[in-house]
C-alpha atoms as a PDB file:
ATOM      1  CA  MET A   1       6.548 -12.067   3.498  1.00  0.00           C
ATOM      2  CA  GLY A   2       9.703 -13.656   4.921  1.00  0.00           C
ATOM      3  CA  TRP A   3      12.047 -10.592   4.230  1.00  0.00           C
ATOM      4  CA  ILE A   4       9.696  -8.319   5.959  1.00  0.00           C
ATOM      5  CA  GLU A   5       9.776 -10.199   9.090  1.00  0.00           C
ATOM      6  CA  MET A   6      13.659 -10.494   8.703  1.00  0.00           C
ATOM      7  CA  PHE A   7      13.834  -7.024   8.679  1.00  0.00           C
ATOM      8  CA  HIS A   8      11.388  -6.406  11.655  1.00  0.00           C
ATOM      9  CA  LYS A   9      13.351  -8.905  13.947  1.00  0.00           C
ATOM     10  CA  SER A  10      16.567  -7.029  12.842  1.00  0.00           C
ATOM     11  CA  ASP A  11      15.127  -4.102  14.092  1.00  0.00           C
ATOM     12  CA  LEU A  12      15.548  -2.498  10.625  1.00  0.00           C
ATOM     13  CA  ILE A  13      11.799  -1.387  10.436  1.00  0.00           C
ATOM     14  CA  ASP A  14       9.685  -0.651  13.399  1.00  0.00           C
ATOM     15  CA  LEU A  15       6.410  -2.561  14.456  1.00  0.00           C
ATOM     16  CA  ARG A  16       4.108   0.063  13.017  1.00  0.00           C
ATOM     17  CA  SER A  17       5.908  -0.112   9.612  1.00  0.00           C
ATOM     18  CA  PHE A  18       6.092  -4.077  10.050  1.00  0.00           C
ATOM     19  CA  GLU A  19       2.165  -3.890  10.092  1.00  0.00           C
ATOM     20  CA  SER A  20       1.731  -1.627   7.438  1.00  0.00           C
ATOM     21  CA  ILE A  21       3.991  -3.391   4.955  1.00  0.00           C
ATOM     22  CA  SER A  22       2.442  -6.757   5.918  1.00  0.00           C
ATOM     23  CA  SER A  23      -1.084  -5.379   5.233  1.00  0.00           C
ATOM     24  CA  ASP A  24      -0.132  -4.116   1.865  1.00  0.00           C
ATOM     25  CA  CYS A  25       1.096  -7.360   1.001  1.00  0.00           C
ATOM     26  CA  GLN A  26      -1.879  -9.425   1.773  1.00  0.00           C
ATOM     27  CA  GLU A  27      -3.906  -7.097  -0.072  1.00  0.00           C
ATOM     28  CA  ILE A  28      -1.812  -7.472  -3.196  1.00  0.00           C
ATOM     29  CA  ILE A  29      -1.451 -10.862  -3.075  1.00  0.00           C
ATOM     30  CA  ALA A  30      -5.442 -11.176  -2.757  1.00  0.00           C
ATOM     31  CA  MET A  31      -5.717  -9.138  -5.774  1.00  0.00           C
ATOM     32  CA  LEU A  32      -3.176 -11.253  -7.554  1.00  0.00           C
ATOM     33  CA  VAL A  33      -4.941 -14.301  -6.721  1.00  0.00           C
ATOM     34  CA  ALA A  34      -8.241 -12.825  -7.922  1.00  0.00           C
ATOM     35  CA  SER A  35      -6.733 -11.440 -11.011  1.00  0.00           C
ATOM     36  CA  ILE A  36      -5.293 -15.118 -11.840  1.00  0.00           C
ATOM     37  CA  ASN A  37      -8.682 -17.028 -11.007  1.00  0.00           C
ATOM     38  CA  THR A  38     -10.566 -14.553 -13.177  1.00  0.00           C
ATOM     39  CA  THR A  39      -8.265 -15.017 -16.104  1.00  0.00           C
ATOM     40  CA  LYS A  40      -8.407 -18.928 -15.573  1.00  0.00           C
ATOM     41  CA  LYS A  41     -12.126 -18.713 -15.431  1.00  0.00           C
ATOM     42  CA  ASN A  42     -12.493 -16.575 -18.641  1.00  0.00           C
ATOM     43  CA  PHE A  43      -9.795 -18.561 -20.478  1.00  0.00           C
ATOM     44  CA  ASN A  44     -11.439 -22.230 -19.176  1.00  0.00           C
ATOM     45  CA  LEU A  45      -8.003 -22.886 -17.838  1.00  0.00           C
END
């Protein structure tokens, strides 16, 4: 999320947008990790 922080610190996005985008990114990361873990479990990796 470093680039999002850079946009916020550069005043390219406001705090509300930054918080929303950061939250969305965290949710996407959590879904990807869960998917990877499930795949590993199902294929015994």
